[in-house]
């Protein structure tokens, strides 16, 4: 069942469960148009990236200032990730901060 709300800024009626509302975010009583126009979305943009290291995969949670930086970093990550790949082509060109990571062990060597 569709849920509707009236926007506090413009008074237009909008669907709370629409794809566009979910994509742009904002407060529950703001229509997607007003969220984009007034830039009221305050949720942090965080993405997770997985890398392989020995027998255990590591995941890093990275926070970005805007959606464009998140997309650029994701494209650079996919282009440069892989086993034993030490390149960073384009990853350092994007402004980001690490929000968290899981703990991984150092790769164990045979005979050690």
PDB file of N, CA and C in Angstrom:
ATOM      1  N   UNK A   1       0.822  -1.164   0.000  1.00  0.00           N
ATOM      2  CA  UNK A   1       0.000   0.000   0.000  1.00  0.00           C
ATOM      3  C   UNK A   1       0.886   1.256   0.000  1.00  0.00           C
ATOM      4  N   UNK A   2       0.630   2.152  -0.906  1.00  0.00           N
ATOM      5  CA  UNK A   2       1.430   3.357  -1.045  1.00  0.00           C
ATOM      6  C   UNK A   2       1.155   4.332   0.101  1.00  0.00           C
ATOM      7  N   UNK A   3       2.223   4.905   0.634  1.00  0.00           N
ATOM      8  CA  UNK A   3       2.098   5.916   1.682  1.00  0.00           C
ATOM      9  C   UNK A   3       2.451   7.270   1.083  1.00  0.00           C
ATOM     10  N   UNK A   4       1.638   8.241   1.335  1.00  0.00           N
ATOM     11  CA  UNK A   4       1.848   9.582   0.799  1.00  0.00           C
ATOM     12  C   UNK A   4       2.062  10.574   1.936  1.00  0.00           C
ATOM     13  N   UNK A   5       2.825  11.632   1.652  1.00  0.00           N
ATOM     14  CA  UNK A   5       3.057  12.722   2.596  1.00  0.00           C
ATOM     15  C   UNK A   5       2.997  14.030   1.832  1.00  0.00           C
ATOM     16  N   UNK A   6       2.732  15.113   2.544  1.00  0.00           N
ATOM     17  CA  UNK A   6       2.793  16.447   1.964  1.00  0.00           C
ATOM     18  C   UNK A   6       4.116  17.086   2.357  1.00  0.00           C
ATOM     19  N   UNK A   7       4.805  17.669   1.380  1.00  0.00           N
ATOM     20  CA  UNK A   7       6.112  18.289   1.604  1.00  0.00           C
ATOM     21  C   UNK A   7       5.947  19.558   2.448  1.00  0.00           C
ATOM     22  N   UNK A   8       6.840  19.720   3.427  1.00  0.00           N
ATOM     23  CA  UNK A   8       6.781  20.903   4.291  1.00  0.00           C
ATOM     24  C   UNK A   8       7.261  22.164   3.575  1.00  0.00           C
ATOM     25  N   UNK A   9       8.063  22.012   2.521  1.00  0.00           N
ATOM     26  CA  UNK A   9       8.616  23.173   1.823  1.00  0.00           C
ATOM     27  C   UNK A   9       7.688  23.682   0.722  1.00  0.00           C
ATOM     28  N   UNK A  10       7.223  22.762  -0.137  1.00  0.00           N
ATOM     29  CA  UNK A  10       6.437  23.195  -1.302  1.00  0.00           C
ATOM     30  C   UNK A  10       4.968  22.795  -1.229  1.00  0.00           C
ATOM     31  N   UNK A  11       4.617  21.882  -0.329  1.00  0.00           N
ATOM     32  CA  UNK A  11       3.234  21.464  -0.178  1.00  0.00           C
ATOM     33  C   UNK A  11       2.785  20.375  -1.135  1.00  0.00           C
ATOM     34  N   UNK A  12       3.653  19.934  -2.042  1.00  0.00           N
ATOM     35  CA  UNK A  12       3.292  18.872  -2.986  1.00  0.00           C
ATOM     36  C   UNK A  12       3.149  17.535  -2.256  1.00  0.00           C
ATOM     37  N   UNK A  13       2.282  16.690  -2.775  1.00  0.00           N
ATOM     38  CA  UNK A  13       2.091  15.349  -2.235  1.00  0.00           C
ATOM     39  C   UNK A  13       3.066  14.407  -2.956  1.00  0.00           C
ATOM     40  N   UNK A  14       3.751  13.533  -2.200  1.00  0.00           N
ATOM     41  CA  UNK A  14       4.716  12.596  -2.784  1.00  0.00           C
ATOM     42  C   UNK A  14       4.624  11.250  -2.083  1.00  0.00           C
ATOM     43  N   UNK A  15       5.139  10.222  -2.778  1.00  0.00           N
ATOM     44  CA  UNK A  15       5.133   8.858  -2.227  1.00  0.00           C
ATOM     45  C   UNK A  15       6.392   8.622  -1.413  1.00  0.00           C
ATOM     46  N   UNK A  16       6.228   8.148  -0.200  1.00  0.00           N
ATOM     47  CA  UNK A  16       7.370   7.851   0.659  1.00  0.00           C
ATOM     48  C   UNK A  16       8.181   6.659   0.169  1.00  0.00           C
ATOM     49  N   UNK A  17       7.516   5.714  -0.494  1.00  0.00           N
ATOM     50  CA  UNK A  17       8.200   4.488  -0.908  1.00  0.00           C
ATOM     51  C   UNK A  17       8.630   4.506  -2.375  1.00  0.00           C
ATOM     52  N   UNK A  18       8.695   5.693  -2.983  1.00  0.00           N
ATOM     53  CA  UNK A  18       9.129   5.749  -4.385  1.00  0.00           C
ATOM     54  C   UNK A  18      10.640   5.530  -4.482  1.00  0.00           C
ATOM     55  N   UNK A  19      11.088   5.035  -5.611  1.00  0.00           N
ATOM     56  CA  UNK A  19      12.509   4.798  -5.822  1.00  0.00           C
ATOM     57  C   UNK A  19      13.307   6.090  -5.726  1.00  0.00           C
ATOM     58  N   UNK A  20      12.759   7.157  -6.261  1.00  0.00           N
ATOM     59  CA  UNK A  20      13.470   8.437  -6.250  1.00  0.00           C
ATOM     60  C   UNK A  20      13.648   8.949  -4.819  1.00  0.00           C
ATOM     61  N   UNK A  21      12.619   8.853  -3.995  1.00  0.00           N
ATOM     62  CA  UNK A  21      12.712   9.289  -2.605  1.00  0.00           C
ATOM     63  C   UNK A  21      13.763   8.477  -1.861  1.00  0.00           C
ATOM     64  N   UNK A  22      13.806   7.175  -2.115  1.00  0.00           N
ATOM     65  CA  UNK A  22      14.800   6.319  -1.472  1.00  0.00           C
ATOM     66  C   UNK A  22      16.210   6.688  -1.918  1.00  0.00           C
ATOM     67  N   UNK A  23      16.355   7.061  -3.185  1.00  0.00           N
ATOM     68  CA  UNK A  23      17.671   7.392  -3.730  1.00  0.00           C
ATOM     69  C   UNK A  23      18.191   8.724  -3.198  1.00  0.00           C
ATOM     70  N   UNK A  24      17.351   9.766  -3.170  1.00  0.00           N
ATOM     71  CA  UNK A  24      17.816  11.089  -2.754  1.00  0.00           C
ATOM     72  C   UNK A  24      17.812  11.270  -1.245  1.00  0.00           C
ATOM     73  N   UNK A  25      17.005  10.503  -0.513  1.00  0.00           N
ATOM     74  CA  UNK A  25      16.981  10.591   0.946  1.00  0.00           C
ATOM     75  C   UNK A  25      16.228  11.811   1.440  1.00  0.00           C
ATOM     76  N   UNK A  26      16.784  12.464   2.448  1.00  0.00           N
ATOM     77  CA  UNK A  26      16.127  13.626   3.035  1.00  0.00           C
ATOM     78  C   UNK A  26      15.234  13.227   4.197  1.00  0.00           C
ATOM     79  N   UNK A  27      14.624  14.232   4.805  1.00  0.00           N
ATOM     80  CA  UNK A  27      13.720  13.980   5.915  1.00  0.00           C
ATOM     81  C   UNK A  27      12.427  13.366   5.394  1.00  0.00           C
ATOM     82  N   UNK A  28      11.685  12.743   6.281  1.00  0.00           N
ATOM     83  CA  UNK A  28      10.486  12.017   5.877  1.00  0.00           C
ATOM     84  C   UNK A  28       9.407  12.943   5.314  1.00  0.00           C
ATOM     85  N   UNK A  29       9.419  14.207   5.715  1.00  0.00           N
ATOM     86  CA  UNK A  29       8.384  15.122   5.255  1.00  0.00           C
ATOM     87  C   UNK A  29       8.873  16.065   4.146  1.00  0.00           C
ATOM     88  N   UNK A  30       9.944  15.690   3.439  1.00  0.00           N
ATOM     89  CA  UNK A  30      10.470  16.480   2.319  1.00  0.00           C
ATOM     90  C   UNK A  30      10.347  15.684   1.026  1.00  0.00           C
ATOM     91  N   UNK A  31       9.821  16.320  -0.010  1.00  0.00           N
ATOM     92  CA  UNK A  31       9.707  15.643  -1.304  1.00  0.00           C
ATOM     93  C   UNK A  31      11.094  15.552  -1.952  1.00  0.00           C
ATOM     94  N   UNK A  32      11.295  14.608  -2.872  1.00  0.00           N
ATOM     95  CA  UNK A  32      12.603  14.453  -3.518  1.00  0.00           C
ATOM     96  C   UNK A  32      13.094  15.715  -4.224  1.00  0.00           C
ATOM     97  N   UNK A  33      12.187  16.481  -4.838  1.00  0.00           N
ATOM     98  CA  UNK A  33      12.594  17.709  -5.518  1.00  0.00           C
ATOM     99  C   UNK A  33      13.205  18.704  -4.539  1.00  0.00           C
ATOM    100  N   UNK A  34      12.569  18.896  -3.394  1.00  0.00           N
ATOM    101  CA  UNK A  34      13.070  19.852  -2.406  1.00  0.00           C
ATOM    102  C   UNK A  34      14.383  19.368  -1.776  1.00  0.00           C
ATOM    103  N   UNK A  35      14.514  18.062  -1.573  1.00  0.00           N
ATOM    104  CA  UNK A  35      15.760  17.524  -1.018  1.00  0.00           C
ATOM    105  C   UNK A  35      16.922  17.854  -1.946  1.00  0.00           C
ATOM    106  N   UNK A  36      16.728  17.648  -3.256  1.00  0.00           N
ATOM    107  CA  UNK A  36      17.793  17.941  -4.209  1.00  0.00           C
ATOM    108  C   UNK A  36      18.027  19.443  -4.340  1.00  0.00           C
ATOM    109  N   UNK A  37      16.958  20.218  -4.383  1.00  0.00           N
ATOM    110  CA  UNK A  37      17.088  21.661  -4.576  1.00  0.00           C
ATOM    111  C   UNK A  37      17.713  22.349  -3.362  1.00  0.00           C
ATOM    112  N   UNK A  38      17.263  21.978  -2.170  1.00  0.00           N
ATOM    113  CA  UNK A  38      17.745  22.615  -0.947  1.00  0.00           C
ATOM    114  C   UNK A  38      18.967  21.916  -0.359  1.00  0.00           C
ATOM    115  N   UNK A  39      19.323  20.751  -0.893  1.00  0.00           N
ATOM    116  CA  UNK A  39      20.466  19.947  -0.431  1.00  0.00           C
ATOM    117  C   UNK A  39      20.393  19.695   1.075  1.00  0.00           C
ATOM    118  N   UNK A  40      19.260  19.145   1.502  1.00  0.00           N
ATOM    119  CA  UNK A  40      19.045  18.904   2.927  1.00  0.00           C
ATOM    120  C   UNK A  40      19.476  17.516   3.378  1.00  0.00           C
ATOM    121  N   UNK A  41      19.912  16.653   2.461  1.00  0.00           N
ATOM    122  CA  UNK A  41      20.358  15.308   2.846  1.00  0.00           C
ATOM    123  C   UNK A  41      21.649  15.419   3.643  1.00  0.00           C
ATOM    124  N   UNK A  42      21.659  14.853   4.847  1.00  0.00           N
ATOM    125  CA  UNK A  42      22.832  14.949   5.717  1.00  0.00           C
ATOM    126  C   UNK A  42      23.445  13.584   6.035  1.00  0.00           C
ATOM    127  N   UNK A  43      22.901  12.509   5.504  1.00  0.00           N
ATOM    128  CA  UNK A  43      23.436  11.178   5.782  1.00  0.00           C
ATOM    129  C   UNK A  43      24.823  11.040   5.163  1.00  0.00           C
ATOM    130  N   UNK A  44      25.762  10.428   5.870  1.00  0.00           N
ATOM    131  CA  UNK A  44      27.099  10.254   5.303  1.00  0.00           C
ATOM    132  C   UNK A  44      27.072   9.255   4.148  1.00  0.00           C
ATOM    133  N   UNK A  45      27.967   9.465   3.213  1.00  0.00           N
ATOM    134  CA  UNK A  45      28.087   8.559   2.069  1.00  0.00           C
ATOM    135  C   UNK A  45      29.218   7.592   2.391  1.00  0.00           C
ATOM    136  N   UNK A  46      28.871   6.341   2.664  1.00  0.00           N
ATOM    137  CA  UNK A  46      29.848   5.322   3.046  1.00  0.00           C
ATOM    138  C   UNK A  46      29.709   4.139   2.114  1.00  0.00           C
ATOM    139  N   UNK A  47      30.838   3.632   1.635  1.00  0.00           N
ATOM    140  CA  UNK A  47      30.859   2.457   0.763  1.00  0.00           C
ATOM    141  C   UNK A  47      31.822   1.435   1.362  1.00  0.00           C
ATOM    142  N   UNK A  48      31.584   0.165   1.087  1.00  0.00           N
ATOM    143  CA  UNK A  48      32.466  -0.906   1.536  1.00  0.00           C
ATOM    144  C   UNK A  48      33.221  -1.493   0.364  1.00  0.00           C
ATOM    145  N   UNK A  49      34.519  -1.755   0.556  1.00  0.00           N
ATOM    146  CA  UNK A  49      35.359  -2.335  -0.489  1.00  0.00           C
ATOM    147  C   UNK A  49      36.088  -3.541   0.075  1.00  0.00           C
ATOM    148  N   UNK A  50      36.105  -4.625  -0.693  1.00  0.00           N
ATOM    149  CA  UNK A  50      36.694  -5.877  -0.244  1.00  0.00           C
ATOM    150  C   UNK A  50      37.977  -6.133  -1.007  1.00  0.00           C
ATOM    151  N   UNK A  51      39.018  -6.544  -0.269  1.00  0.00           N
ATOM    152  CA  UNK A  51      40.276  -6.938  -0.903  1.00  0.00           C
ATOM    153  C   UNK A  51      40.661  -8.310  -0.387  1.00  0.00           C
ATOM    154  N   UNK A  52      41.377  -9.056  -1.185  1.00  0.00           N
ATOM    155  CA  UNK A  52      41.807 -10.390  -0.792  1.00  0.00           C
ATOM    156  C   UNK A  52      43.216 -10.350  -0.251  1.00  0.00           C
ATOM    157  N   UNK A  53      43.435 -11.004   0.860  1.00  0.00           N
ATOM    158  CA  UNK A  53      44.761 -11.083   1.449  1.00  0.00           C
ATOM    159  C   UNK A  53      44.916 -12.477   2.035  1.00  0.00           C
ATOM    160  N   UNK A  54      45.777 -13.266   1.417  1.00  0.00           N
ATOM    161  CA  UNK A  54      46.015 -14.648   1.848  1.00  0.00           C
ATOM    162  C   UNK A  54      44.695 -15.423   1.872  1.00  0.00           C
ATOM    163  N   UNK A  55      44.350 -16.015   3.008  1.00  0.00           N
ATOM    164  CA  UNK A  55      43.138 -16.827   3.081  1.00  0.00           C
ATOM    165  C   UNK A  55      41.927 -16.039   3.557  1.00  0.00           C
ATOM    166  N   UNK A  56      42.137 -14.808   3.952  1.00  0.00           N
ATOM    167  CA  UNK A  56      41.038 -14.031   4.513  1.00  0.00           C
ATOM    168  C   UNK A  56      40.866 -12.731   3.729  1.00  0.00           C
ATOM    169  N   UNK A  57      39.634 -12.398   3.424  1.00  0.00           N
ATOM    170  CA  UNK A  57      39.349 -11.140   2.741  1.00  0.00           C
ATOM    171  C   UNK A  57      39.194 -10.027   3.767  1.00  0.00           C
ATOM    172  N   UNK A  58      39.636  -8.842   3.391  1.00  0.00           N
ATOM    173  CA  UNK A  58      39.509  -7.679   4.267  1.00  0.00           C
ATOM    174  C   UNK A  58      38.477  -6.737   3.674  1.00  0.00           C
ATOM    175  N   UNK A  59      37.705  -6.092   4.534  1.00  0.00           N
ATOM    176  CA  UNK A  59      36.731  -5.112   4.066  1.00  0.00           C
ATOM    177  C   UNK A  59      37.052  -3.770   4.715  1.00  0.00           C
ATOM    178  N   UNK A  60      37.015  -2.731   3.892  1.00  0.00           N
ATOM    179  CA  UNK A  60      37.235  -1.366   4.374  1.00  0.00           C
ATOM    180  C   UNK A  60      35.980  -0.558   4.130  1.00  0.00           C
ATOM    181  N   UNK A  61      35.575   0.209   5.122  1.00  0.00           N
ATOM    182  CA  UNK A  61      34.448   1.117   4.983  1.00  0.00           C
ATOM    183  C   UNK A  61      35.023   2.519   4.817  1.00  0.00           C
ATOM    184  N   UNK A  62      34.661   3.159   3.699  1.00  0.00           N
ATOM    185  CA  UNK A  62      35.245   4.440   3.331  1.00  0.00           C
ATOM    186  C   UNK A  62      34.138   5.492   3.260  1.00  0.00           C
ATOM    187  N   UNK A  63      34.386   6.663   3.858  1.00  0.00           N
ATOM    188  CA  UNK A  63      33.420   7.769   3.874  1.00  0.00           C
ATOM    189  C   UNK A  63      33.853   8.824   2.854  1.00  0.00           C
ATOM    190  N   UNK A  64      32.870   9.337   2.105  1.00  0.00           N
ATOM    191  CA  UNK A  64      33.134  10.330   1.067  1.00  0.00           C
ATOM    192  C   UNK A  64      32.349  11.607   1.337  1.00  0.00           C
ATOM    193  N   UNK A  65      32.827  12.716   0.760  1.00  0.00           N
ATOM    194  CA  UNK A  65      32.153  14.001   0.908  1.00  0.00           C
ATOM    195  C   UNK A  65      30.928  14.119   0.015  1.00  0.00           C
ATOM    196  N   UNK A  66      30.953  13.437  -1.136  1.00  0.00           N
ATOM    197  CA  UNK A  66      29.825  13.524  -2.065  1.00  0.00           C
ATOM    198  C   UNK A  66      29.726  12.247  -2.892  1.00  0.00           C
ATOM    199  N   UNK A  67      28.617  12.099  -3.593  1.00  0.00           N
ATOM    200  CA  UNK A  67      28.339  10.890  -4.373  1.00  0.00           C
ATOM    201  C   UNK A  67      29.312  10.725  -5.544  1.00  0.00           C
ATOM    202  N   UNK A  68      29.723  11.848  -6.156  1.00  0.00           N
ATOM    203  CA  UNK A  68      30.656  11.772  -7.289  1.00  0.00           C
ATOM    204  C   UNK A  68      31.986  11.162  -6.872  1.00  0.00           C
ATOM    205  N   UNK A  69      32.500  11.563  -5.705  1.00  0.00           N
ATOM    206  CA  UNK A  69      33.755  10.997  -5.214  1.00  0.00           C
ATOM    207  C   UNK A  69      33.609   9.500  -4.935  1.00  0.00           C
ATOM    208  N   UNK A  70      32.458   9.095  -4.401  1.00  0.00           N
ATOM    209  CA  UNK A  70      32.221   7.670  -4.126  1.00  0.00           C
ATOM    210  C   UNK A  70      32.226   6.864  -5.419  1.00  0.00           C
ATOM    211  N   UNK A  71      31.619   7.400  -6.460  1.00  0.00           N
ATOM    212  CA  UNK A  71      31.582   6.700  -7.754  1.00  0.00           C
ATOM    213  C   UNK A  71      32.975   6.633  -8.366  1.00  0.00           C
ATOM    214  N   UNK A  72      33.718   7.752  -8.313  1.00  0.00           N
ATOM    215  CA  UNK A  72      35.084   7.772  -8.864  1.00  0.00           C
ATOM    216  C   UNK A  72      35.987   6.775  -8.144  1.00  0.00           C
ATOM    217  N   UNK A  73      35.912   6.736  -6.820  1.00  0.00           N
ATOM    218  CA  UNK A  73      36.728   5.816  -6.041  1.00  0.00           C
ATOM    219  C   UNK A  73      36.364   4.363  -6.365  1.00  0.00           C
ATOM    220  N   UNK A  74      35.059   4.089  -6.469  1.00  0.00           N
ATOM    221  CA  UNK A  74      34.618   2.728  -6.792  1.00  0.00           C
ATOM    222  C   UNK A  74      35.123   2.267  -8.147  1.00  0.00           C
ATOM    223  N   UNK A  75      35.085   3.142  -9.137  1.00  0.00           N
ATOM    224  CA  UNK A  75      35.599   2.784 -10.467  1.00  0.00           C
ATOM    225  C   UNK A  75      37.100   2.537 -10.427  1.00  0.00           C
ATOM    226  N   UNK A  76      37.833   3.397  -9.719  1.00  0.00           N
ATOM    227  CA  UNK A  76      39.287   3.217  -9.603  1.00  0.00           C
ATOM    228  C   UNK A  76      39.611   1.942  -8.832  1.00  0.00           C
ATOM    229  N   UNK A  77      38.824   1.637  -7.806  1.00  0.00           N
ATOM    230  CA  UNK A  77      39.042   0.421  -7.007  1.00  0.00           C
ATOM    231  C   UNK A  77      38.866  -0.820  -7.880  1.00  0.00           C
ATOM    232  N   UNK A  78      37.792  -0.861  -8.647  1.00  0.00           N
ATOM    233  CA  UNK A  78      37.545  -2.029  -9.504  1.00  0.00           C
ATOM    234  C   UNK A  78      38.616  -2.166 -10.580  1.00  0.00           C
ATOM    235  N   UNK A  79      39.142  -1.049 -11.071  1.00  0.00           N
ATOM    236  CA  UNK A  79      40.169  -1.096 -12.113  1.00  0.00           C
ATOM    237  C   UNK A  79      41.516  -1.538 -11.563  1.00  0.00           C
ATOM    238  N   UNK A  80      41.777  -1.308 -10.280  1.00  0.00           N
ATOM    239  CA  UNK A  80      43.099  -1.575  -9.710  1.00  0.00           C
ATOM    240  C   UNK A  80      43.127  -2.672  -8.662  1.00  0.00           C
ATOM    241  N   UNK A  81      41.985  -3.256  -8.332  1.00  0.00           N
ATOM    242  CA  UNK A  81      41.999  -4.293  -7.303  1.00  0.00           C
ATOM    243  C   UNK A  81      42.288  -5.643  -7.939  1.00  0.00           C
ATOM    244  N   UNK A  82      42.686  -6.555  -7.115  1.00  0.00           N
ATOM    245  CA  UNK A  82      42.999  -7.905  -7.572  1.00  0.00           C
ATOM    246  C   UNK A  82      44.101  -8.484  -6.710  1.00  0.00           C
ATOM    247  N   UNK A  83      44.349  -9.739  -6.887  1.00  0.00           N
ATOM    248  CA  UNK A  83      45.366 -10.412  -6.084  1.00  0.00           C
ATOM    249  C   UNK A  83      46.737  -9.850  -6.421  1.00  0.00           C
ATOM    250  N   UNK A  84      47.510  -9.517  -5.390  1.00  0.00           N
ATOM    251  CA  UNK A  84      48.885  -9.030  -5.502  1.00  0.00           C
ATOM    252  C   UNK A  84      49.009  -7.797  -6.385  1.00  0.00           C
ATOM    253  N   UNK A  85      48.009  -6.972  -6.437  1.00  0.00           N
ATOM    254  CA  UNK A  85      48.054  -5.748  -7.227  1.00  0.00           C
ATOM    255  C   UNK A  85      48.399  -4.604  -6.284  1.00  0.00           C
ATOM    256  N   UNK A  86      49.538  -3.986  -6.487  1.00  0.00           N
ATOM    257  CA  UNK A  86      50.003  -2.925  -5.598  1.00  0.00           C
ATOM    258  C   UNK A  86      49.786  -1.532  -6.173  1.00  0.00           C
ATOM    259  N   UNK A  87      49.125  -1.425  -7.323  1.00  0.00           N
ATOM    260  CA  UNK A  87      48.904  -0.117  -7.941  1.00  0.00           C
ATOM    261  C   UNK A  87      47.823   0.648  -7.191  1.00  0.00           C
ATOM    262  N   UNK A  88      47.874   1.969  -7.279  1.00  0.00           N
ATOM    263  CA  UNK A  88      46.845   2.793  -6.650  1.00  0.00           C
ATOM    264  C   UNK A  88      46.237   3.757  -7.650  1.00  0.00           C
ATOM    265  N   UNK A  89      46.397   3.517  -8.938  1.00  0.00           N
ATOM    266  CA  UNK A  89      45.994   4.431 -10.002  1.00  0.00           C
ATOM    267  C   UNK A  89      44.639   5.092  -9.794  1.00  0.00           C
ATOM    268  N   UNK A  90      44.629   6.344  -9.382  1.00  0.00           N
ATOM    269  CA  UNK A  90      43.398   7.102  -9.230  1.00  0.00           C
ATOM    270  C   UNK A  90      42.771   7.040  -7.860  1.00  0.00           C
ATOM    271  N   UNK A  91      43.158   6.093  -7.014  1.00  0.00           N
ATOM    272  CA  UNK A  91      42.544   5.979  -5.690  1.00  0.00           C
ATOM    273  C   UNK A  91      42.915   7.147  -4.791  1.00  0.00           C
ATOM    274  N   UNK A  92      44.126   7.643  -4.928  1.00  0.00           N
ATOM    275  CA  UNK A  92      44.571   8.748  -4.076  1.00  0.00           C
ATOM    276  C   UNK A  92      44.139  10.110  -4.597  1.00  0.00           C
ATOM    277  N   UNK A  93      43.503  10.149  -5.767  1.00  0.00           N
ATOM    278  CA  UNK A  93      43.020  11.409  -6.327  1.00  0.00           C
ATOM    279  C   UNK A  93      41.669  11.821  -5.740  1.00  0.00           C
ATOM    280  N   UNK A  94      41.042  10.934  -4.990  1.00  0.00           N
ATOM    281  CA  UNK A  94      39.711  11.179  -4.434  1.00  0.00           C
ATOM    282  C   UNK A  94      39.834  11.444  -2.934  1.00  0.00           C
ATOM    283  N   UNK A  95      39.119  12.451  -2.441  1.00  0.00           N
ATOM    284  CA  UNK A  95      39.128  12.760  -1.019  1.00  0.00           C
ATOM    285  C   UNK A  95      38.220  11.774  -0.276  1.00  0.00           C
ATOM    286  N   UNK A  96      38.788  11.104   0.727  1.00  0.00           N
ATOM    287  CA  UNK A  96      38.023  10.127   1.502  1.00  0.00           C
ATOM    288  C   UNK A  96      38.651   9.982   2.879  1.00  0.00           C
ATOM    289  N   UNK A  97      37.900   9.367   3.789  1.00  0.00           N
ATOM    290  CA  UNK A  97      38.419   8.987   5.096  1.00  0.00           C
ATOM    291  C   UNK A  97      37.973   7.564   5.372  1.00  0.00           C
ATOM    292  N   UNK A  98      38.802   6.817   6.078  1.00  0.00           N
ATOM    293  CA  UNK A  98      38.434   5.446   6.434  1.00  0.00           C
ATOM    294  C   UNK A  98      37.494   5.476   7.631  1.00  0.00           C
ATOM    295  N   UNK A  99      36.336   4.870   7.461  1.00  0.00           N
ATOM    296  CA  UNK A  99      35.344   4.828   8.527  1.00  0.00           C
ATOM    297  C   UNK A  99      35.495   3.579   9.383  1.00  0.00           C
ATOM    298  N   UNK A 100      36.163   2.553   8.861  1.00  0.00           N
ATOM    299  CA  UNK A 100      36.353   1.327   9.623  1.00  0.00           C
ATOM    300  C   UNK A 100      36.855   0.209   8.741  1.00  0.00           C
ATOM    301  N   UNK A 101      37.326  -0.857   9.377  1.00  0.00           N
ATOM    302  CA  UNK A 101      37.826  -2.027   8.656  1.00  0.00           C
ATOM    303  C   UNK A 101      37.795  -3.217   9.600  1.00  0.00           C
ATOM    304  N   UNK A 102      37.759  -4.415   9.020  1.00  0.00           N
ATOM    305  CA  UNK A 102      37.843  -5.598   9.865  1.00  0.00           C
ATOM    306  C   UNK A 102      39.307  -5.948  10.077  1.00  0.00           C
ATOM    307  N   UNK A 103      39.611  -6.659  11.149  1.00  0.00           N
ATOM    308  CA  UNK A 103      40.989  -7.027  11.461  1.00  0.00           C
ATOM    309  C   UNK A 103      41.355  -8.286  10.675  1.00  0.00           C
ATOM    310  N   UNK A 104      42.478  -8.210  10.014  1.00  0.00           N
ATOM    311  CA  UNK A 104      42.974  -9.381   9.268  1.00  0.00           C
ATOM    312  C   UNK A 104      44.337  -9.751   9.798  1.00  0.00           C
ATOM    313  N   UNK A 105      44.666 -11.002   9.659  1.00  0.00           N
ATOM    314  CA  UNK A 105      45.984 -11.483  10.073  1.00  0.00           C
ATOM    315  C   UNK A 105      46.953 -11.307   8.934  1.00  0.00           C
ATOM    316  N   UNK A 106      48.232 -11.266   9.296  1.00  0.00           N
ATOM    317  CA  UNK A 106      49.280 -11.250   8.275  1.00  0.00           C
ATOM    318  C   UNK A 106      49.277 -12.617   7.589  1.00  0.00           C
ATOM    319  N   UNK A 107      49.561 -12.641   6.280  1.00  0.00           N
ATOM    320  CA  UNK A 107      49.609 -13.937   5.594  1.00  0.00           C
ATOM    321  C   UNK A 107      50.652 -14.842   6.226  1.00  0.00           C
ATOM    322  N   UNK A 108      50.288 -16.087   6.467  1.00  0.00           N
ATOM    323  CA  UNK A 108      51.212 -17.041   7.055  1.00  0.00           C
ATOM    324  C   UNK A 108      52.013 -17.698   5.956  1.00  0.00           C
ATOM    325  N   UNK A 109      53.305 -17.859   6.203  1.00  0.00           N
ATOM    326  CA  UNK A 109      54.184 -18.500   5.225  1.00  0.00           C
ATOM    327  C   UNK A 109      54.424 -19.919   5.642  1.00  0.00           C
ATOM    328  N   UNK A 110      54.580 -20.779   4.656  1.00  0.00           N
ATOM    329  CA  UNK A 110      54.852 -22.190   4.973  1.00  0.00           C
ATOM    330  C   UNK A 110      56.203 -22.314   5.650  1.00  0.00           C
ATOM    331  N   UNK A 111      56.259 -23.139   6.650  1.00  0.00           N
ATOM    332  CA  UNK A 111      57.511 -23.402   7.346  1.00  0.00           C
ATOM    333  C   UNK A 111      57.833 -22.371   8.408  1.00  0.00           C
ATOM    334  N   UNK A 112      56.963 -21.417   8.609  1.00  0.00           N
ATOM    335  CA  UNK A 112      57.266 -20.382   9.620  1.00  0.00           C
ATOM    336  C   UNK A 112      56.610 -20.694  10.934  1.00  0.00           C
TER     337      UNK A 112
END
